[in-house]
Amino acid sequence: MIREKCENKTDEELVLLALENQDFYECLVERYEEKLARYIRRISASSKEDVEDLLQEIFVAVYRNLNDFDSGLKFSSWIYRIAHNKTISSWRKTKSRPQMVRSEEAQELVKIVSSDEDMAKDLEKKFDSKQVEKILQGMDEKYREVLVLKFIEDKDYQEISDILKKPMGTVGTLIRRAKKQFRDIVEKENIDV
């Protein structure tokens, strides 16, 4: 019954309803569980079990702080920010290096990044997934992260700004530098394209 009432509601409306009736919080969890799990896997080397543990921590933190949600922000940006913080914190505790993109997603990233006019010459041909993973592993974490948010998670500059707590101009700069670093690694490694 609650689920049916959730279908046509915005995230922000569901937050208000969840504050009055905790059953509505389940709708937010269902709406974001898969998306956040994908995001966590992309920015960390977490196992399936670790992702599930992180999701539980994230949803507990979101529920506890629901009253503090700033309705001036998009809920998606707010929850991704919490997921970002929890994932980075967990990564720092384990001190393992993140593996950003899984093989099946690697081709999509190359396709999207290479469609940018200034990168087209360098990335006209397809990479195999292993090559892309190698390139991404060689990138600075801050650059990998913006590539994932922009090109895989399909976030706009404002959302990335809200998630990373950086000005939009900085986000644009990070994306340009990330593309350049991606291209430079391709050239340096002399990867066949």
Protein backbone atom coordinates (compact mmCIF):
# COMPACT_ATOMS: atom_id res chain seq x y z
CA MET A 1 0.00 0.00 0.00
CA ILE A 2 2.82 2.43 0.90
CA ARG A 3 4.71 1.52 -2.28
CA GLU A 4 1.74 2.49 -4.43
CA LYS A 5 1.63 5.87 -2.74
CA CYS A 6 5.35 6.37 -3.46
CA GLU A 7 5.36 5.81 -7.19
CA ASN A 8 4.50 9.33 -8.31
CA LYS A 9 6.25 11.17 -5.49
CA THR A 10 9.46 13.13 -5.81
CA ASP A 11 12.34 12.34 -3.50
CA GLU A 12 11.72 15.54 -1.60
CA GLU A 13 8.04 14.66 -1.09
CA LEU A 14 9.05 11.21 0.16
CA VAL A 15 11.43 12.81 2.66
CA LEU A 16 8.57 14.86 4.10
CA LEU A 17 6.31 11.81 4.22
CA ALA A 18 9.07 9.69 5.83
CA LEU A 19 9.47 12.29 8.57
CA GLU A 20 5.80 11.78 9.44
CA ASN A 21 5.59 8.03 8.77
CA GLN A 22 8.77 5.95 8.74
CA ASP A 23 7.16 3.41 6.39
CA PHE A 24 7.72 5.89 3.55
CA TYR A 25 11.47 5.69 4.16
CA GLU A 26 11.38 2.23 2.60
CA CYS A 27 10.45 3.88 -0.70
CA LEU A 28 13.61 5.99 -0.61
CA VAL A 29 15.70 2.93 0.22
CA GLU A 30 14.22 0.98 -2.69
CA ARG A 31 14.71 3.92 -5.03
CA TYR A 32 18.40 4.37 -4.19
CA GLU A 33 19.67 0.98 -3.06
CA GLU A 34 20.75 -0.30 -6.48
CA LYS A 35 22.11 3.07 -7.66
CA LEU A 36 24.23 3.55 -4.55
CA ALA A 37 25.49 -0.04 -4.66
CA ARG A 38 26.70 0.56 -8.22
CA TYR A 39 28.32 3.84 -7.19
CA ILE A 40 30.12 2.23 -4.23
CA ARG A 41 31.43 -0.60 -6.42
CA ARG A 42 32.69 1.92 -8.97
CA ILE A 43 34.67 4.05 -6.55
CA SER A 44 35.97 1.29 -4.29
CA ALA A 45 37.39 -2.19 -4.33
CA SER A 46 34.65 -3.36 -1.99
CA SER A 47 33.36 -6.91 -2.02
CA LYS A 48 29.64 -7.60 -2.35
CA GLU A 49 29.43 -8.05 1.42
CA ASP A 50 31.30 -4.79 2.06
CA VAL A 51 28.97 -2.95 -0.33
CA GLU A 52 25.97 -4.33 1.55
CA ASP A 53 27.49 -3.25 4.88
CA LEU A 54 28.22 0.21 3.51
CA LEU A 55 24.69 0.52 2.16
CA GLN A 56 23.32 -0.32 5.58
CA GLU A 57 25.54 2.32 7.19
CA ILE A 58 24.52 4.86 4.56
CA PHE A 59 20.79 4.28 4.94
CA VAL A 60 21.05 4.41 8.74
CA ALA A 61 22.96 7.71 8.50
CA VAL A 62 20.45 9.10 6.00
CA TYR A 63 17.52 8.14 8.23
CA ARG A 64 19.15 9.63 11.33
CA ASN A 65 19.83 12.88 9.49
CA LEU A 66 16.60 13.14 7.51
CA ASN A 67 15.52 16.13 9.61
CA ASP A 68 18.70 17.93 8.54
CA PHE A 69 18.09 17.45 4.82
CA ASP A 70 18.31 20.83 3.10
CA SER A 71 15.36 21.05 0.75
CA GLY A 72 17.38 23.57 -1.28
CA LEU A 73 19.49 20.64 -2.52
CA LYS A 74 18.44 17.68 -4.58
CA PHE A 75 17.92 14.64 -2.39
CA SER A 76 19.98 12.57 -4.81
CA SER A 77 22.97 14.89 -4.32
CA TRP A 78 22.57 14.72 -0.56
CA ILE A 79 22.38 10.92 -0.40
CA TYR A 80 25.27 10.52 -2.87
CA ARG A 81 27.34 12.83 -0.66
CA ILE A 82 26.67 10.63 2.36
CA ALA A 83 27.50 7.54 0.28
CA HIS A 84 30.69 9.23 -0.95
CA ASN A 85 31.80 10.10 2.60
CA LYS A 86 31.04 6.64 4.01
CA THR A 87 32.77 4.88 1.10
CA ILE A 88 35.90 7.04 1.26
CA SER A 89 36.02 6.64 5.04
CA SER A 90 35.74 2.87 4.71
CA TRP A 91 38.38 2.84 1.97
CA ARG A 92 40.79 4.82 4.15
CA LYS A 93 40.28 2.39 7.01
CA THR A 94 41.16 -0.59 4.85
CA LYS A 95 43.82 1.35 2.89
CA SER A 96 43.02 -0.53 -0.29
CA ARG A 97 43.22 1.24 -3.60
CA PRO A 98 39.85 1.71 -5.33
CA GLN A 99 39.07 -0.09 -8.55
CA MET A 100 36.74 2.31 -10.27
CA VAL A 101 34.93 0.62 -13.06
CA ARG A 102 34.01 -2.97 -13.75
CA SER A 103 34.79 -4.50 -17.13
CA GLU A 104 31.32 -4.16 -18.59
CA GLU A 105 31.22 -0.49 -17.62
CA ALA A 106 34.70 0.23 -18.91
CA GLN A 107 33.67 0.13 -22.56
CA GLU A 108 30.83 2.55 -21.88
CA LEU A 109 33.20 5.00 -20.18
CA VAL A 110 35.63 4.93 -23.09
CA LYS A 111 32.77 5.40 -25.55
CA ILE A 112 31.43 8.43 -23.67
CA VAL A 113 34.78 10.04 -22.91
CA SER A 114 36.03 9.46 -26.44
CA SER A 115 32.95 11.13 -27.91
CA ASP A 116 34.32 14.45 -26.66
CA GLU A 117 35.69 16.25 -29.72
CA ASP A 118 39.10 17.03 -28.24
CA MET A 119 39.67 13.36 -27.34
CA ALA A 120 38.27 11.82 -30.49
CA LYS A 121 41.63 11.51 -32.31
CA ASP A 122 43.28 9.67 -29.44
CA LEU A 123 40.39 7.39 -28.59
CA GLU A 124 38.70 6.67 -31.90
CA LYS A 125 39.07 2.92 -31.62
CA LYS A 126 37.75 0.65 -28.89
CA PHE A 127 39.79 -0.39 -25.87
CA ASP A 128 39.33 -3.72 -24.26
CA SER A 129 38.10 -3.70 -20.67
CA LYS A 130 41.44 -4.66 -19.19
CA GLN A 131 43.12 -1.68 -20.86
CA VAL A 132 40.49 0.70 -19.52
CA GLU A 133 40.80 -0.70 -16.02
CA LYS A 134 44.57 -0.27 -16.23
CA ILE A 135 44.17 3.36 -17.35
CA LEU A 136 41.69 4.12 -14.58
CA GLN A 137 43.88 2.49 -11.94
CA GLY A 138 46.70 4.79 -13.04
CA MET A 139 44.60 7.91 -12.60
CA ASP A 140 44.45 10.11 -9.53
CA GLU A 141 41.47 9.23 -7.34
CA LYS A 142 39.92 12.72 -7.65
CA TYR A 143 39.95 12.44 -11.44
CA ARG A 144 38.55 8.90 -11.57
CA GLU A 145 35.78 9.93 -9.27
CA VAL A 146 34.61 12.87 -11.40
CA LEU A 147 34.70 10.68 -14.52
CA VAL A 148 32.48 8.13 -12.80
CA LEU A 149 30.06 10.75 -11.51
CA LYS A 150 29.84 12.62 -14.82
CA PHE A 151 29.95 9.88 -17.42
CA ILE A 152 28.69 6.75 -15.66
CA GLU A 153 26.41 8.08 -12.93
CA ASP A 154 25.26 10.79 -15.37
CA LYS A 155 25.34 13.57 -12.79
CA ASP A 156 25.32 17.18 -13.92
CA TYR A 157 27.90 19.73 -12.74
CA GLN A 158 25.62 21.04 -9.97
CA GLU A 159 25.05 17.56 -8.55
CA ILE A 160 28.77 16.73 -8.72
CA SER A 161 29.45 20.03 -6.99
CA ASP A 162 26.99 19.14 -4.22
CA ILE A 163 28.35 15.59 -3.84
CA LEU A 164 32.02 16.54 -3.76
CA LYS A 165 31.45 19.88 -1.98
CA LYS A 166 33.44 21.72 -4.63
CA PRO A 167 32.46 24.80 -6.65
CA MET A 168 31.03 24.10 -10.12
CA GLY A 169 34.03 25.78 -11.76
CA THR A 170 36.30 23.38 -9.91
CA VAL A 171 34.18 20.46 -11.07
CA GLY A 172 34.59 21.58 -14.69
CA THR A 173 38.33 21.88 -14.19
CA LEU A 174 38.52 18.43 -12.59
CA ILE A 175 36.62 16.88 -15.50
CA ARG A 176 38.90 18.54 -18.07
CA ARG A 177 41.99 17.43 -16.15
CA ALA A 178 40.57 13.92 -15.76
CA LYS A 179 40.08 13.65 -19.51
CA LYS A 180 43.60 14.95 -20.08
CA GLN A 181 45.07 12.50 -17.58
CA PHE A 182 43.11 9.67 -19.20
CA ARG A 183 44.51 10.67 -22.61
CA ASP A 184 48.06 11.13 -21.23
CA ILE A 185 48.06 7.66 -19.71
CA VAL A 186 46.93 6.23 -23.04
CA GLU A 187 49.83 8.00 -24.78
CA LYS A 188 52.40 7.17 -22.08
CA GLU A 189 51.49 3.51 -21.92
CA ASN A 190 51.35 3.41 -25.72
CA ILE A 191 48.15 1.42 -25.43
CA ASP A 192 46.92 0.11 -28.73
CA VAL A 193 43.73 1.82 -29.71
